[in-house]
Every structure is written in structure tokens, then in C-alpha cells.
Amino acid sequence: MNTEEAVRRLTEVVRRKHLALATERTYCACLRRYCDNLKGLPVHLSSEQKLERFLTVLAQKHVAASTQNQAFNAIIFFYKEALGLELGQVSVLTF
């Protein structure tokens, strides 16, 4: 799955659930950032490790804690609602 396909799937779910447009924009932006971050990570890492490293990168860039929480929730939402998986069920997801 590429980044645009992932964003399209996320957008479909957000709209189907009638979430706010601001939520859609924020979640899609977080997902794009996450996908960009995945490109530099080793493929053997678990999904939890990849998410942890992504959040660490955000912290190192001095992103506010609320922004980190929002990014975390966006990625969890993507895995659960758009992919139908719990985070631990995904061993290798590449973009």
C-alpha cells in the first residue's frame, strides 16, 4: 500500500463516520507524516516499534504533547478503522 492509498482509505472511513473536516485533515496529515517516517525505518520492526519511533521523532522535534497524542490517535484510528487491525496484528506494513 502506498501513502496515497492509505490516505484515501482513511478519508473514506472518516467521512463514513461523519467526523469533522478538521479531524479528517489532521488525521490525514498525521498519516502522511507517519508514512514518510516509515520509509527510513528497518522493515523488520514491529508496528508498535515503528509507531514508537515516529512519536520519538515528533518529541525530538519539540512537538507539543497534545500534537503527539493527536498523531498517536490518528495512527491507531487508521490501523483499527481503515485497516480493520489492532496495532499488534500488523507485523510489517510498508509504504
PDB file of N, CA and C in Angstrom:
ATOM      1  N   MET A   1       0.853  -1.170   0.000  1.00  0.00           N
ATOM      2  CA  MET A   1       0.000   0.000   0.000  1.00  0.00           C
ATOM      3  C   MET A   1       0.899   1.233   0.000  1.00  0.00           C
ATOM      4  N   ASN A   2       0.574   2.185  -0.837  1.00  0.00           N
ATOM      5  CA  ASN A   2       1.340   3.423  -0.843  1.00  0.00           C
ATOM      6  C   ASN A   2       0.647   4.475   0.020  1.00  0.00           C
ATOM      7  N   THR A   3       1.308   5.584   0.202  1.00  0.00           N
ATOM      8  CA  THR A   3       0.805   6.630   1.095  1.00  0.00           C
ATOM      9  C   THR A   3      -0.549   7.158   0.634  1.00  0.00           C
ATOM     10  N   GLU A   4      -0.677   7.417  -0.650  1.00  0.00           N
ATOM     11  CA  GLU A   4      -1.940   7.979  -1.154  1.00  0.00           C
ATOM     12  C   GLU A   4      -3.105   7.006  -0.995  1.00  0.00           C
ATOM     13  N   GLU A   5      -2.849   5.720  -1.183  1.00  0.00           N
ATOM     14  CA  GLU A   5      -3.883   4.713  -0.971  1.00  0.00           C
ATOM     15  C   GLU A   5      -4.295   4.683   0.506  1.00  0.00           C
ATOM     16  N   ALA A   6      -3.322   4.761   1.401  1.00  0.00           N
ATOM     17  CA  ALA A   6      -3.609   4.769   2.835  1.00  0.00           C
ATOM     18  C   ALA A   6      -4.437   5.995   3.210  1.00  0.00           C
ATOM     19  N   VAL A   7      -4.067   7.148   2.689  1.00  0.00           N
ATOM     20  CA  VAL A   7      -4.804   8.389   2.986  1.00  0.00           C
ATOM     21  C   VAL A   7      -6.216   8.306   2.425  1.00  0.00           C
ATOM     22  N   ARG A   8      -6.360   7.737   1.229  1.00  0.00           N
ATOM     23  CA  ARG A   8      -7.691   7.597   0.635  1.00  0.00           C
ATOM     24  C   ARG A   8      -8.582   6.704   1.499  1.00  0.00           C
ATOM     25  N   ARG A   9      -8.022   5.594   1.972  1.00  0.00           N
ATOM     26  CA  ARG A   9      -8.801   4.697   2.830  1.00  0.00           C
ATOM     27  C   ARG A   9      -9.184   5.382   4.136  1.00  0.00           C
ATOM     28  N   LEU A  10      -8.239   6.123   4.707  1.00  0.00           N
ATOM     29  CA  LEU A  10      -8.524   6.847   5.946  1.00  0.00           C
ATOM     30  C   LEU A  10      -9.625   7.884   5.720  1.00  0.00           C
ATOM     31  N   THR A  11      -9.535   8.613   4.625  1.00  0.00           N
ATOM     32  CA  THR A  11     -10.539   9.629   4.299  1.00  0.00           C
ATOM     33  C   THR A  11     -11.929   9.013   4.165  1.00  0.00           C
ATOM     34  N   GLU A  12     -12.014   7.875   3.503  1.00  0.00           N
ATOM     35  CA  GLU A  12     -13.306   7.189   3.345  1.00  0.00           C
ATOM     36  C   GLU A  12     -13.924   6.842   4.693  1.00  0.00           C
ATOM     37  N   VAL A  13     -13.109   6.336   5.598  1.00  0.00           N
ATOM     38  CA  VAL A  13     -13.609   5.944   6.920  1.00  0.00           C
ATOM     39  C   VAL A  13     -14.048   7.169   7.711  1.00  0.00           C
ATOM     40  N   VAL A  14     -13.236   8.208   7.692  1.00  0.00           N
ATOM     41  CA  VAL A  14     -13.567   9.432   8.436  1.00  0.00           C
ATOM     42  C   VAL A  14     -14.888  10.004   7.933  1.00  0.00           C
ATOM     43  N   ARG A  15     -15.075  10.025   6.632  1.00  0.00           N
ATOM     44  CA  ARG A  15     -16.320  10.566   6.055  1.00  0.00           C
ATOM     45  C   ARG A  15     -17.506   9.659   6.348  1.00  0.00           C
ATOM     46  N   ARG A  16     -17.297   8.356   6.287  1.00  0.00           N
ATOM     47  CA  ARG A  16     -18.377   7.422   6.590  1.00  0.00           C
ATOM     48  C   ARG A  16     -18.848   7.576   8.037  1.00  0.00           C
ATOM     49  N   LYS A  17     -17.914   7.917   8.918  1.00  0.00           N
ATOM     50  CA  LYS A  17     -18.249   8.096  10.326  1.00  0.00           C
ATOM     51  C   LYS A  17     -18.717   9.519  10.642  1.00  0.00           C
ATOM     52  N   HIS A  18     -18.773  10.360   9.607  1.00  0.00           N
ATOM     53  CA  HIS A  18     -19.238  11.743   9.745  1.00  0.00           C
ATOM     54  C   HIS A  18     -18.432  12.538  10.771  1.00  0.00           C
ATOM     55  N   LEU A  19     -17.120  12.326  10.756  1.00  0.00           N
ATOM     56  CA  LEU A  19     -16.262  13.104  11.637  1.00  0.00           C
ATOM     57  C   LEU A  19     -16.028  14.482  11.023  1.00  0.00           C
ATOM     58  N   ALA A  20     -15.569  15.394  11.826  1.00  0.00           N
ATOM     59  CA  ALA A  20     -15.360  16.776  11.383  1.00  0.00           C
ATOM     60  C   ALA A  20     -14.293  16.859  10.296  1.00  0.00           C
ATOM     61  N   LEU A  21     -14.448  17.849   9.417  1.00  0.00           N
ATOM     62  CA  LEU A  21     -13.470  18.068   8.356  1.00  0.00           C
ATOM     63  C   LEU A  21     -12.089  18.346   8.940  1.00  0.00           C
ATOM     64  N   ALA A  22     -12.051  19.064  10.046  1.00  0.00           N
ATOM     65  CA  ALA A  22     -10.765  19.347  10.707  1.00  0.00           C
ATOM     66  C   ALA A  22     -10.108  18.049  11.176  1.00  0.00           C
ATOM     67  N   THR A  23     -10.899  17.114  11.653  1.00  0.00           N
ATOM     68  CA  THR A  23     -10.373  15.818  12.073  1.00  0.00           C
ATOM     69  C   THR A  23      -9.803  15.074  10.870  1.00  0.00           C
ATOM     70  N   GLU A  24     -10.528  15.098   9.769  1.00  0.00           N
ATOM     71  CA  GLU A  24     -10.048  14.445   8.545  1.00  0.00           C
ATOM     72  C   GLU A  24      -8.703  15.021   8.109  1.00  0.00           C
ATOM     73  N   ARG A  25      -8.617  16.325   8.068  1.00  0.00           N
ATOM     74  CA  ARG A  25      -7.375  16.976   7.634  1.00  0.00           C
ATOM     75  C   ARG A  25      -6.213  16.646   8.567  1.00  0.00           C
ATOM     76  N   THR A  26      -6.475  16.709   9.857  1.00  0.00           N
ATOM     77  CA  THR A  26      -5.431  16.440  10.843  1.00  0.00           C
ATOM     78  C   THR A  26      -4.976  14.993  10.782  1.00  0.00           C
ATOM     79  N   TYR A  27      -5.920  14.053  10.746  1.00  0.00           N
ATOM     80  CA  TYR A  27      -5.580  12.639  10.700  1.00  0.00           C
ATOM     81  C   TYR A  27      -4.819  12.303   9.425  1.00  0.00           C
ATOM     82  N   CYS A  28      -5.233  12.864   8.303  1.00  0.00           N
ATOM     83  CA  CYS A  28      -4.535  12.599   7.031  1.00  0.00           C
ATOM     84  C   CYS A  28      -3.120  13.177   7.057  1.00  0.00           C
ATOM     85  N   ALA A  29      -2.967  14.352   7.634  1.00  0.00           N
ATOM     86  CA  ALA A  29      -1.633  14.953   7.740  1.00  0.00           C
ATOM     87  C   ALA A  29      -0.737  14.096   8.634  1.00  0.00           C
ATOM     88  N   CYS A  30      -1.282  13.610   9.734  1.00  0.00           N
ATOM     89  CA  CYS A  30      -0.517  12.741  10.632  1.00  0.00           C
ATOM     90  C   CYS A  30      -0.139  11.443   9.935  1.00  0.00           C
ATOM     91  N   LEU A  31      -1.058  10.876   9.175  1.00  0.00           N
ATOM     92  CA  LEU A  31      -0.775   9.628   8.465  1.00  0.00           C
ATOM     93  C   LEU A  31       0.307   9.832   7.413  1.00  0.00           C
ATOM     94  N   ARG A  32       0.252  10.943   6.696  1.00  0.00           N
ATOM     95  CA  ARG A  32       1.294  11.230   5.702  1.00  0.00           C
ATOM     96  C   ARG A  32       2.673  11.334   6.370  1.00  0.00           C
ATOM     97  N   ARG A  33       2.700  12.025   7.500  1.00  0.00           N
ATOM     98  CA  ARG A  33       3.949  12.177   8.243  1.00  0.00           C
ATOM     99  C   ARG A  33       4.470  10.825   8.724  1.00  0.00           C
ATOM    100  N   TYR A  34       3.547  10.011   9.200  1.00  0.00           N
ATOM    101  CA  TYR A  34       3.895   8.675   9.673  1.00  0.00           C
ATOM    102  C   TYR A  34       4.460   7.833   8.521  1.00  0.00           C
ATOM    103  N   CYS A  35       3.805   7.882   7.368  1.00  0.00           N
ATOM    104  CA  CYS A  35       4.264   7.120   6.203  1.00  0.00           C
ATOM    105  C   CYS A  35       5.642   7.592   5.756  1.00  0.00           C
ATOM    106  N   ASP A  36       5.856   8.884   5.772  1.00  0.00           N
ATOM    107  CA  ASP A  36       7.178   9.416   5.418  1.00  0.00           C
ATOM    108  C   ASP A  36       8.235   8.904   6.386  1.00  0.00           C
ATOM    109  N   ASN A  37       7.884   8.846   7.648  1.00  0.00           N
ATOM    110  CA  ASN A  37       8.809   8.358   8.668  1.00  0.00           C
ATOM    111  C   ASN A  37       9.100   6.872   8.493  1.00  0.00           C
ATOM    112  N   LEU A  38       8.114   6.103   8.063  1.00  0.00           N
ATOM    113  CA  LEU A  38       8.299   4.661   7.876  1.00  0.00           C
ATOM    114  C   LEU A  38       9.342   4.348   6.815  1.00  0.00           C
ATOM    115  N   LYS A  39       9.469   5.210   5.832  1.00  0.00           N
ATOM    116  CA  LYS A  39      10.400   4.955   4.730  1.00  0.00           C
ATOM    117  C   LYS A  39      11.843   4.855   5.196  1.00  0.00           C
ATOM    118  N   GLY A  40      12.166   5.491   6.303  1.00  0.00           N
ATOM    119  CA  GLY A  40      13.531   5.445   6.800  1.00  0.00           C
ATOM    120  C   GLY A  40      13.777   4.401   7.864  1.00  0.00           C
ATOM    121  N   LEU A  41      12.767   3.594   8.176  1.00  0.00           N
ATOM    122  CA  LEU A  41      12.895   2.603   9.244  1.00  0.00           C
ATOM    123  C   LEU A  41      13.160   1.206   8.687  1.00  0.00           C
ATOM    124  N   PRO A  42      13.854   0.378   9.455  1.00  0.00           N
ATOM    125  CA  PRO A  42      14.064  -1.013   9.021  1.00  0.00           C
ATOM    126  C   PRO A  42      12.723  -1.753   8.936  1.00  0.00           C
ATOM    127  N   VAL A  43      12.579  -2.587   7.926  1.00  0.00           N
ATOM    128  CA  VAL A  43      11.313  -3.293   7.710  1.00  0.00           C
ATOM    129  C   VAL A  43      11.018  -4.348   8.772  1.00  0.00           C
ATOM    130  N   HIS A  44      12.035  -4.841   9.457  1.00  0.00           N
ATOM    131  CA  HIS A  44      11.825  -5.907  10.432  1.00  0.00           C
ATOM    132  C   HIS A  44      11.180  -5.431  11.734  1.00  0.00           C
ATOM    133  N   LEU A  45      11.058  -4.140  11.936  1.00  0.00           N
ATOM    134  CA  LEU A  45      10.458  -3.630  13.169  1.00  0.00           C
ATOM    135  C   LEU A  45       8.963  -3.925  13.211  1.00  0.00           C
ATOM    136  N   SER A  46       8.449  -4.158  14.404  1.00  0.00           N
ATOM    137  CA  SER A  46       7.006  -4.368  14.559  1.00  0.00           C
ATOM    138  C   SER A  46       6.283  -3.031  14.407  1.00  0.00           C
ATOM    139  N   SER A  47       4.983  -3.094  14.209  1.00  0.00           N
ATOM    140  CA  SER A  47       4.196  -1.867  14.058  1.00  0.00           C
ATOM    141  C   SER A  47       4.279  -0.998  15.310  1.00  0.00           C
ATOM    142  N   GLU A  48       4.341  -1.639  16.476  1.00  0.00           N
ATOM    143  CA  GLU A  48       4.464  -0.879  17.719  1.00  0.00           C
ATOM    144  C   GLU A  48       5.787  -0.126  17.771  1.00  0.00           C
ATOM    145  N   GLN A  49       6.860  -0.795  17.354  1.00  0.00           N
ATOM    146  CA  GLN A  49       8.172  -0.153  17.355  1.00  0.00           C
ATOM    147  C   GLN A  49       8.211   1.004  16.355  1.00  0.00           C
ATOM    148  N   LYS A  50       7.579   0.817  15.216  1.00  0.00           N
ATOM    149  CA  LYS A  50       7.547   1.880  14.210  1.00  0.00           C
ATOM    150  C   LYS A  50       6.791   3.089  14.737  1.00  0.00           C
ATOM    151  N   LEU A  51       5.660   2.847  15.394  1.00  0.00           N
ATOM    152  CA  LEU A  51       4.884   3.946  15.955  1.00  0.00           C
ATOM    153  C   LEU A  51       5.664   4.635  17.063  1.00  0.00           C
ATOM    154  N   GLU A  52       6.319   3.850  17.894  1.00  0.00           N
ATOM    155  CA  GLU A  52       7.133   4.418  18.973  1.00  0.00           C
ATOM    156  C   GLU A  52       8.239   5.318  18.413  1.00  0.00           C
ATOM    157  N   ARG A  53       8.901   4.857  17.379  1.00  0.00           N
ATOM    158  CA  ARG A  53       9.967   5.667  16.771  1.00  0.00           C
ATOM    159  C   ARG A  53       9.409   6.937  16.141  1.00  0.00           C
ATOM    160  N   PHE A  54       8.248   6.841  15.535  1.00  0.00           N
ATOM    161  CA  PHE A  54       7.609   8.019  14.950  1.00  0.00           C
ATOM    162  C   PHE A  54       7.308   9.053  16.028  1.00  0.00           C
ATOM    163  N   LEU A  55       6.744   8.606  17.127  1.00  0.00           N
ATOM    164  CA  LEU A  55       6.423   9.528  18.222  1.00  0.00           C
ATOM    165  C   LEU A  55       7.689  10.107  18.843  1.00  0.00           C
ATOM    166  N   THR A  56       8.749   9.324  18.887  1.00  0.00           N
ATOM    167  CA  THR A  56      10.033   9.811  19.393  1.00  0.00           C
ATOM    168  C   THR A  56      10.571  10.918  18.496  1.00  0.00           C
ATOM    169  N   VAL A  57      10.455  10.737  17.197  1.00  0.00           N
ATOM    170  CA  VAL A  57      10.897  11.768  16.250  1.00  0.00           C
ATOM    171  C   VAL A  57      10.110  13.056  16.481  1.00  0.00           C
ATOM    172  N   LEU A  58       8.806  12.924  16.697  1.00  0.00           N
ATOM    173  CA  LEU A  58       7.998  14.119  16.974  1.00  0.00           C
ATOM    174  C   LEU A  58       8.480  14.811  18.249  1.00  0.00           C
ATOM    175  N   ALA A  59       8.770  14.030  19.276  1.00  0.00           N
ATOM    176  CA  ALA A  59       9.241  14.603  20.539  1.00  0.00           C
ATOM    177  C   ALA A  59      10.585  15.299  20.354  1.00  0.00           C
ATOM    178  N   GLN A  60      11.459  14.706  19.553  1.00  0.00           N
ATOM    179  CA  GLN A  60      12.768  15.300  19.310  1.00  0.00           C
ATOM    180  C   GLN A  60      12.666  16.608  18.530  1.00  0.00           C
ATOM    181  N   LYS A  61      11.591  16.749  17.783  1.00  0.00           N
ATOM    182  CA  LYS A  61      11.364  17.990  17.039  1.00  0.00           C
ATOM    183  C   LYS A  61      10.626  19.020  17.899  1.00  0.00           C
ATOM    184  N   HIS A  62      10.480  18.717  19.181  1.00  0.00           N
ATOM    185  CA  HIS A  62       9.840  19.599  20.160  1.00  0.00           C
ATOM    186  C   HIS A  62       8.387  19.895  19.802  1.00  0.00           C
ATOM    187  N   VAL A  63       7.702  18.862  19.304  1.00  0.00           N
ATOM    188  CA  VAL A  63       6.274  18.978  19.023  1.00  0.00           C
ATOM    189  C   VAL A  63       5.532  18.883  20.355  1.00  0.00           C
ATOM    190  N   ALA A  64       4.496  19.660  20.508  1.00  0.00           N
ATOM    191  CA  ALA A  64       3.733  19.672  21.758  1.00  0.00           C
ATOM    192  C   ALA A  64       3.170  18.288  22.072  1.00  0.00           C
ATOM    193  N   ALA A  65       3.014  18.012  23.346  1.00  0.00           N
ATOM    194  CA  ALA A  65       2.487  16.718  23.780  1.00  0.00           C
ATOM    195  C   ALA A  65       1.101  16.469  23.198  1.00  0.00           C
ATOM    196  N   SER A  66       0.289  17.506  23.112  1.00  0.00           N
ATOM    197  CA  SER A  66      -1.056  17.334  22.553  1.00  0.00           C
ATOM    198  C   SER A  66      -0.986  16.932  21.077  1.00  0.00           C
ATOM    199  N   THR A  67      -0.013  17.436  20.354  1.00  0.00           N
ATOM    200  CA  THR A  67       0.167  17.073  18.949  1.00  0.00           C
ATOM    201  C   THR A  67       0.629  15.623  18.841  1.00  0.00           C
ATOM    202  N   GLN A  68       1.503  15.216  19.742  1.00  0.00           N
ATOM    203  CA  GLN A  68       1.948  13.818  19.764  1.00  0.00           C
ATOM    204  C   GLN A  68       0.769  12.892  20.054  1.00  0.00           C
ATOM    205  N   ASN A  69      -0.068  13.274  21.001  1.00  0.00           N
ATOM    206  CA  ASN A  69      -1.252  12.477  21.327  1.00  0.00           C
ATOM    207  C   ASN A  69      -2.196  12.392  20.135  1.00  0.00           C
ATOM    208  N   GLN A  70      -2.359  13.503  19.440  1.00  0.00           N
ATOM    209  CA  GLN A  70      -3.228  13.523  18.276  1.00  0.00           C
ATOM    210  C   GLN A  70      -2.677  12.610  17.175  1.00  0.00           C
ATOM    211  N   ALA A  71      -1.379  12.655  16.964  1.00  0.00           N
ATOM    212  CA  ALA A  71      -0.745  11.783  15.968  1.00  0.00           C
ATOM    213  C   ALA A  71      -0.908  10.322  16.366  1.00  0.00           C
ATOM    214  N   PHE A  72      -0.714  10.025  17.627  1.00  0.00           N
ATOM    215  CA  PHE A  72      -0.889   8.663  18.125  1.00  0.00           C
ATOM    216  C   PHE A  72      -2.309   8.175  17.857  1.00  0.00           C
ATOM    217  N   ASN A  73      -3.289   8.987  18.197  1.00  0.00           N
ATOM    218  CA  ASN A  73      -4.688   8.606  17.990  1.00  0.00           C
ATOM    219  C   ASN A  73      -5.024   8.460  16.518  1.00  0.00           C
ATOM    220  N   ALA A  74      -4.450   9.300  15.670  1.00  0.00           N
ATOM    221  CA  ALA A  74      -4.693   9.209  14.228  1.00  0.00           C
ATOM    222  C   ALA A  74      -4.180   7.883  13.674  1.00  0.00           C
ATOM    223  N   ILE A  75      -2.995   7.472  14.105  1.00  0.00           N
ATOM    224  CA  ILE A  75      -2.411   6.233  13.598  1.00  0.00           C
ATOM    225  C   ILE A  75      -3.167   5.019  14.135  1.00  0.00           C
ATOM    226  N   ILE A  76      -3.537   5.051  15.390  1.00  0.00           N
ATOM    227  CA  ILE A  76      -4.334   3.962  15.964  1.00  0.00           C
ATOM    228  C   ILE A  76      -5.672   3.865  15.232  1.00  0.00           C
ATOM    229  N   PHE A  77      -6.305   5.005  14.965  1.00  0.00           N
ATOM    230  CA  PHE A  77      -7.570   5.040  14.227  1.00  0.00           C
ATOM    231  C   PHE A  77      -7.386   4.427  12.843  1.00  0.00           C
ATOM    232  N   PHE A  78      -6.295   4.778  12.171  1.00  0.00           N
ATOM    233  CA  PHE A  78      -6.025   4.238  10.841  1.00  0.00           C
ATOM    234  C   PHE A  78      -5.915   2.717  10.880  1.00  0.00           C
ATOM    235  N   TYR A  79      -5.110   2.200  11.790  1.00  0.00           N
ATOM    236  CA  TYR A  79      -4.946   0.749  11.879  1.00  0.00           C
ATOM    237  C   TYR A  79      -6.277   0.060  12.182  1.00  0.00           C
ATOM    238  N   LYS A  80      -6.993   0.579  13.153  1.00  0.00           N
ATOM    239  CA  LYS A  80      -8.212  -0.078  13.610  1.00  0.00           C
ATOM    240  C   LYS A  80      -9.370   0.087  12.636  1.00  0.00           C
ATOM    241  N   GLU A  81      -9.623   1.320  12.217  1.00  0.00           N
ATOM    242  CA  GLU A  81     -10.823   1.595  11.419  1.00  0.00           C
ATOM    243  C   GLU A  81     -10.607   1.425   9.919  1.00  0.00           C
ATOM    244  N   ALA A  82      -9.480   1.860   9.396  1.00  0.00           N
ATOM    245  CA  ALA A  82      -9.254   1.787   7.951  1.00  0.00           C
ATOM    246  C   ALA A  82      -8.714   0.417   7.530  1.00  0.00           C
ATOM    247  N   LEU A  83      -7.872  -0.176   8.373  1.00  0.00           N
ATOM    248  CA  LEU A  83      -7.306  -1.483   8.035  1.00  0.00           C
ATOM    249  C   LEU A  83      -8.017  -2.638   8.727  1.00  0.00           C
ATOM    250  N   GLY A  84      -8.802  -2.341   9.743  1.00  0.00           N
ATOM    251  CA  GLY A  84      -9.510  -3.387  10.472  1.00  0.00           C
ATOM    252  C   GLY A  84      -8.595  -4.251  11.313  1.00  0.00           C
ATOM    253  N   LEU A  85      -7.475  -3.680  11.768  1.00  0.00           N
ATOM    254  CA  LEU A  85      -6.485  -4.427  12.542  1.00  0.00           C
ATOM    255  C   LEU A  85      -6.151  -3.701  13.832  1.00  0.00           C
ATOM    256  N   GLU A  86      -5.840  -4.484  14.828  1.00  0.00           N
ATOM    257  CA  GLU A  86      -5.259  -3.897  16.023  1.00  0.00           C
ATOM    258  C   GLU A  86      -3.785  -3.690  15.727  1.00  0.00           C
ATOM    259  N   LEU A  87      -3.169  -2.741  16.364  1.00  0.00           N
ATOM    260  CA  LEU A  87      -1.779  -2.418  16.071  1.00  0.00           C
ATOM    261  C   LEU A  87      -0.869  -3.635  16.180  1.00  0.00           C
ATOM    262  N   GLY A  88      -1.057  -4.463  17.168  1.00  0.00           N
ATOM    263  CA  GLY A  88      -0.216  -5.642  17.368  1.00  0.00           C
ATOM    264  C   GLY A  88      -0.362  -6.706  16.297  1.00  0.00           C
ATOM    265  N   GLN A  89      -1.433  -6.672  15.506  1.00  0.00           N
ATOM    266  CA  GLN A  89      -1.657  -7.656  14.464  1.00  0.00           C
ATOM    267  C   GLN A  89      -0.854  -7.375  13.199  1.00  0.00           C
ATOM    268  N   VAL A  90      -0.276  -6.206  13.122  1.00  0.00           N
ATOM    269  CA  VAL A  90       0.444  -5.815  11.916  1.00  0.00           C
ATOM    270  C   VAL A  90       1.925  -5.957  12.185  1.00  0.00           C
ATOM    271  N   SER A  91       2.555  -6.924  11.556  1.00  0.00           N
ATOM    272  CA  SER A  91       3.982  -7.110  11.778  1.00  0.00           C
ATOM    273  C   SER A  91       4.796  -6.276  10.809  1.00  0.00           C
ATOM    274  N   VAL A  92       4.401  -6.226   9.552  1.00  0.00           N
ATOM    275  CA  VAL A  92       5.143  -5.459   8.568  1.00  0.00           C
ATOM    276  C   VAL A  92       4.155  -4.710   7.693  1.00  0.00           C
ATOM    277  N   LEU A  93       4.206  -3.400   7.761  1.00  0.00           N
ATOM    278  CA  LEU A  93       3.387  -2.540   6.907  1.00  0.00           C
ATOM    279  C   LEU A  93       4.324  -1.535   6.280  1.00  0.00           C
ATOM    280  N   THR A  94       4.431  -1.572   4.984  1.00  0.00           N
ATOM    281  CA  THR A  94       5.345  -0.665   4.294  1.00  0.00           C
ATOM    282  C   THR A  94       4.572   0.263   3.383  1.00  0.00           C
ATOM    283  N   PHE A  95       5.139   1.432   3.184  1.00  0.00           N
ATOM    284  CA  PHE A  95       4.529   2.432   2.305  1.00  0.00           C
ATOM    285  C   PHE A  95       5.540   2.877   1.296  1.00  0.00           C
TER     286      PHE A  95
END
